[in-house]
Amino acid sequence: MTPVVLGRGFCPTSTHCLIRRPLVVSHFPNSSLPRRLRHPTSFFHVRLGSSATRKMADFPTPSSKPPAQEMQYFPDMTTALPSLSSEFRRVLWTGLYSQVVIMTVPVAGDIGDETHTVDQILTFTSGTGLAQVGGREQKVKAGDMVIVPAGTRHQFLNTGPTPLILYTVYSPAEHKPTTVHKTKEEGDREEEEGIDEPPPWSQRSKKQNEEEGWVG
C-alpha cells in the first residue's frame, strides 16, 4: 500500500479543490495509484465527498422575527460548513440577547478597524491572522478564540495564504437578522446607509422581555 499524498486547499464555491501542499490522507494499492498522485508538488483537482461539499444554500434562511423557543442546529461549524463559505459576512441566527455570524476574510483582507457597543466573541476555524484588540496584538489560527468587550477598539487582519474564516457571537445583536454581505465594501455601505441595523426586539432589556412575556 502506498500513501496517497493529496494536499491542503481551499474550495470556497466549487466541489473541486486546487491542491497545493502535501498531506497524506489515504492509502491505495501501488498498482492503482493514479499517475498524477505520484508527484505531491503538482497541482490538480480533486472532487470532494458529499459530506464536505455543503453549499451556502444549506444554511437556513434566518427570520426577521423574534426567535421561536426551539433548538437551532448547525453541524460541522469548525470543519466542512464554514470552510465552504465565500461571503464576507452572513448572519446565521439572531436571538433576544445574542447573534451568531459567520465571516470569511479574504487573503490580505481585514474586518475593519472599529469599536461597537456590544460584546463580541470570535472563534477561528480556518486560516491565520492578526488580532488587534485594545492596543494589544495576538496571532490567531484555527481553534483560537478572541473576546472583544463592548467599547473596545479592534481589528482583525488575514495574514495567511488562505481565507481567514470564523464565526462570531455578538451580545446583543449587531446586524440585521437576514444580513448577507458578499464583500466588506458591501457591508460598509449598508452600515453607512443605515440598512444593516439590529431589530428593536433584539435590543430590549431582560426585564422588558419578562414583562412583555417573551421569556418565562
Protein backbone atom coordinates (compact mmCIF):
# COMPACT_ATOMS: atom_id res chain seq x y z
CA MET A 1 0.00 0.00 0.00
CA THR A 2 1.30 3.45 -0.94
CA PRO A 3 0.22 6.57 0.94
CA VAL A 4 -1.64 8.97 -1.30
CA VAL A 5 -0.31 12.48 -0.93
CA LEU A 6 -3.04 14.91 -1.77
CA GLY A 7 -2.76 18.32 -0.23
CA ARG A 8 -4.40 21.16 1.54
CA GLY A 9 -6.50 23.55 -0.47
CA PHE A 10 -9.44 25.87 -0.19
CA CYS A 11 -12.73 25.39 -2.00
CA PRO A 12 -14.93 28.43 -1.44
CA THR A 13 -17.60 27.68 -4.00
CA SER A 14 -16.66 24.65 -6.07
CA THR A 15 -16.80 20.91 -5.49
CA HIS A 16 -13.30 20.77 -6.97
CA CYS A 17 -10.28 21.79 -4.91
CA LEU A 18 -6.98 23.16 -6.12
CA ILE A 19 -4.39 21.11 -4.25
CA ARG A 20 -1.17 22.80 -3.20
CA ARG A 21 0.67 21.47 -0.13
CA PRO A 22 1.22 17.74 0.54
CA LEU A 23 -0.97 15.92 3.04
CA VAL A 24 -1.21 12.15 3.43
CA VAL A 25 -4.90 11.33 3.51
CA SER A 26 -5.35 7.70 2.46
CA HIS A 27 -3.75 4.57 1.03
CA PHE A 28 -4.15 2.79 -2.30
CA PRO A 29 -2.53 -0.33 -3.75
CA ASN A 30 0.61 0.53 -5.74
CA SER A 31 -0.94 -0.79 -8.92
CA SER A 32 -3.99 1.50 -8.65
CA LEU A 33 -2.24 4.70 -7.66
CA PRO A 34 -3.10 7.37 -10.28
CA ARG A 35 -0.09 8.81 -12.05
CA ARG A 36 -0.93 12.38 -11.06
CA LEU A 37 -0.85 11.41 -7.36
CA ARG A 38 2.77 10.25 -7.56
CA HIS A 39 4.06 13.82 -7.57
CA PRO A 40 2.97 15.60 -4.37
CA THR A 41 4.15 19.00 -5.56
CA SER A 42 1.98 19.01 -8.66
CA PHE A 43 -1.33 20.87 -8.91
CA PHE A 44 -4.52 19.03 -9.67
CA HIS A 45 -8.20 19.00 -8.81
CA VAL A 46 -9.99 16.54 -6.55
CA ARG A 47 -13.74 16.12 -6.25
CA LEU A 48 -14.83 16.14 -2.62
CA GLY A 49 -17.28 13.75 -1.00
CA SER A 50 -20.81 14.81 -0.21
CA SER A 51 -20.07 15.49 3.47
CA ALA A 52 -17.56 18.18 2.54
CA THR A 53 -19.43 19.85 -0.29
CA ARG A 54 -22.11 21.71 1.62
CA LYS A 55 -23.07 24.90 -0.14
CA MET A 56 -24.16 28.18 1.35
CA ALA A 57 -27.73 27.24 0.46
CA ASP A 58 -27.59 24.67 3.26
CA PHE A 59 -27.77 27.47 5.80
CA PRO A 60 -31.40 28.02 6.83
CA THR A 61 -32.80 31.42 5.93
CA PRO A 62 -32.94 33.47 9.15
CA SER A 63 -36.16 35.06 10.28
CA SER A 64 -36.59 38.77 10.95
CA LYS A 65 -38.96 37.96 13.80
CA PRO A 66 -38.02 37.15 17.41
CA PRO A 67 -36.76 33.57 17.62
CA ALA A 68 -39.00 30.65 18.42
CA GLN A 69 -38.18 28.82 21.62
CA GLU A 70 -36.66 25.82 19.86
CA MET A 71 -33.22 24.41 19.13
CA GLN A 72 -31.15 25.75 16.24
CA TYR A 73 -28.60 23.23 14.97
CA PHE A 74 -25.58 24.00 12.74
CA PRO A 75 -23.42 20.91 12.05
CA ASP A 76 -19.68 20.94 11.38
CA MET A 77 -19.18 24.53 12.48
CA THR A 78 -15.42 24.01 12.81
CA THR A 79 -14.94 21.87 9.69
CA ALA A 80 -16.89 21.47 6.46
CA LEU A 81 -19.63 24.04 6.87
CA PRO A 82 -17.66 27.24 7.46
CA SER A 83 -14.78 26.27 5.17
CA LEU A 84 -17.10 26.46 2.17
CA SER A 85 -18.32 29.95 2.98
CA SER A 86 -17.35 32.53 0.37
CA GLU A 87 -19.26 35.53 1.70
CA PHE A 88 -17.65 38.17 3.87
CA ARG A 89 -20.50 38.11 6.39
CA ARG A 90 -23.62 36.02 6.88
CA VAL A 91 -25.91 36.16 9.90
CA LEU A 92 -26.92 32.66 10.96
CA TRP A 93 -29.19 33.36 13.92
CA THR A 94 -30.42 36.29 15.99
CA GLY A 95 -31.82 35.94 19.48
CA LEU A 96 -33.18 38.25 22.16
CA TYR A 97 -29.71 38.69 23.67
CA SER A 98 -27.18 37.42 21.11
CA GLN A 99 -26.43 36.87 17.42
CA VAL A 100 -24.31 34.32 15.53
CA VAL A 101 -22.49 35.42 12.38
CA ILE A 102 -20.07 33.59 10.08
CA MET A 103 -17.32 35.57 8.33
CA THR A 104 -14.78 34.88 5.59
CA VAL A 105 -11.95 37.41 5.40
CA PRO A 106 -10.15 37.18 2.02
CA VAL A 107 -6.40 36.94 1.64
CA ALA A 108 -4.76 40.27 2.61
CA GLY A 109 -8.16 41.50 3.81
CA ASP A 110 -9.43 42.63 7.19
CA ILE A 111 -12.64 43.01 9.16
CA GLY A 112 -12.25 46.73 9.69
CA ASP A 113 -10.94 48.91 12.49
CA GLU A 114 -13.96 49.58 14.69
CA THR A 115 -15.48 49.99 18.11
CA HIS A 116 -19.03 48.91 18.90
CA THR A 117 -21.31 48.86 21.90
CA VAL A 118 -21.81 45.08 22.11
CA ASP A 119 -19.63 42.24 23.38
CA GLN A 120 -18.11 40.03 20.67
CA ILE A 121 -16.62 36.53 20.82
CA LEU A 122 -14.75 35.31 17.73
CA THR A 123 -13.81 31.65 17.11
CA PHE A 124 -11.46 30.98 14.19
CA THR A 125 -11.99 27.85 12.13
CA SER A 126 -9.54 28.23 9.22
CA GLY A 127 -6.55 30.32 8.19
CA THR A 128 -4.22 32.58 10.15
CA GLY A 129 -4.50 36.19 11.14
CA LEU A 130 -3.59 39.00 13.48
CA ALA A 131 -5.94 40.25 16.18
CA GLN A 132 -5.57 43.85 17.35
CA VAL A 133 -7.73 44.46 20.41
CA GLY A 134 -7.44 47.30 22.87
CA GLY A 135 -3.88 48.11 21.86
CA ARG A 136 -2.68 44.52 22.08
CA GLU A 137 -1.74 42.25 19.15
CA GLN A 138 -2.12 38.48 19.02
CA LYS A 139 -1.55 36.00 16.19
CA VAL A 140 -4.59 33.76 15.68
CA LYS A 141 -5.21 30.44 13.94
CA ALA A 142 -7.89 27.78 13.59
CA GLY A 143 -9.15 26.75 17.02
CA ASP A 144 -8.39 30.08 18.71
CA MET A 145 -10.95 32.33 20.38
CA VAL A 146 -10.75 36.07 20.98
CA ILE A 147 -13.10 38.11 23.16
CA VAL A 148 -13.73 41.79 22.44
CA PRO A 149 -15.52 43.57 25.30
CA ALA A 150 -18.03 46.27 24.35
CA GLY A 151 -16.40 49.64 23.74
CA THR A 152 -13.00 48.16 22.83
CA ARG A 153 -11.30 49.24 19.60
CA HIS A 154 -10.41 46.22 17.48
CA GLN A 155 -9.29 44.98 14.10
CA PHE A 156 -8.64 41.52 12.62
CA LEU A 157 -6.37 41.00 9.62
CA ASN A 158 -5.83 37.98 7.41
CA THR A 159 -2.07 37.36 7.35
CA GLY A 160 -2.10 33.93 5.68
CA PRO A 161 -2.28 32.49 2.14
CA THR A 162 -5.89 31.31 2.52
CA PRO A 163 -9.15 32.95 3.67
CA LEU A 164 -9.47 33.60 7.40
CA ILE A 165 -12.76 32.01 8.47
CA LEU A 166 -14.52 32.47 11.77
CA TYR A 167 -17.85 32.54 13.47
CA THR A 168 -18.63 35.25 15.94
CA VAL A 169 -21.21 35.81 18.65
CA TYR A 170 -22.44 39.33 19.38
CA SER A 171 -24.29 40.14 22.58
CA PRO A 172 -26.69 41.72 21.92
CA ALA A 173 -27.14 41.63 18.13
CA GLU A 174 -25.10 43.96 15.93
CA HIS A 175 -26.57 43.26 12.48
CA LYS A 176 -29.91 42.81 10.72
CA PRO A 177 -31.10 39.19 11.16
CA THR A 178 -31.12 38.49 7.40
CA THR A 179 -27.82 40.20 6.57
CA VAL A 180 -25.59 38.65 3.90
CA HIS A 181 -22.60 40.69 2.70
CA LYS A 182 -20.61 39.27 -0.20
CA THR A 183 -17.80 41.78 0.41
CA LYS A 184 -16.55 44.09 3.14
CA GLU A 185 -17.35 47.05 0.91
CA GLU A 186 -20.99 45.99 0.70
CA GLY A 187 -21.12 45.69 4.48
CA ASP A 188 -19.57 49.12 5.00
CA ARG A 189 -22.00 50.69 2.56
CA GLU A 190 -25.08 49.16 4.20
CA GLU A 191 -23.84 50.26 7.61
CA GLU A 192 -23.33 53.84 6.41
CA GLU A 193 -26.80 53.87 4.82
CA GLY A 194 -28.42 52.52 7.99
CA ILE A 195 -29.60 49.35 6.26
CA ASP A 196 -27.71 46.84 8.39
CA GLU A 197 -29.23 47.57 11.81
CA PRO A 198 -30.31 45.10 14.52
CA PRO A 199 -34.07 44.87 15.12
CA PRO A 200 -35.56 46.67 18.12
CA TRP A 201 -36.68 43.39 19.68
CA SER A 202 -33.02 42.29 19.93
CA GLN A 203 -32.07 45.35 21.99
CA ARG A 204 -34.63 45.08 24.79
CA SER A 205 -33.68 44.50 28.40
CA LYS A 206 -34.22 41.26 30.25
CA LYS A 207 -36.81 42.97 32.44
CA GLN A 208 -38.75 44.27 29.43
CA ASN A 209 -38.80 40.83 27.82
CA GLU A 210 -40.09 39.30 31.03
CA GLU A 211 -42.80 41.92 31.43
CA GLU A 212 -43.95 41.50 27.81
CA GLY A 213 -43.97 37.72 28.05
CA TRP A 214 -41.14 36.99 25.62
CA VAL A 215 -39.40 34.86 28.25
CA GLY A 216 -40.91 32.97 31.16
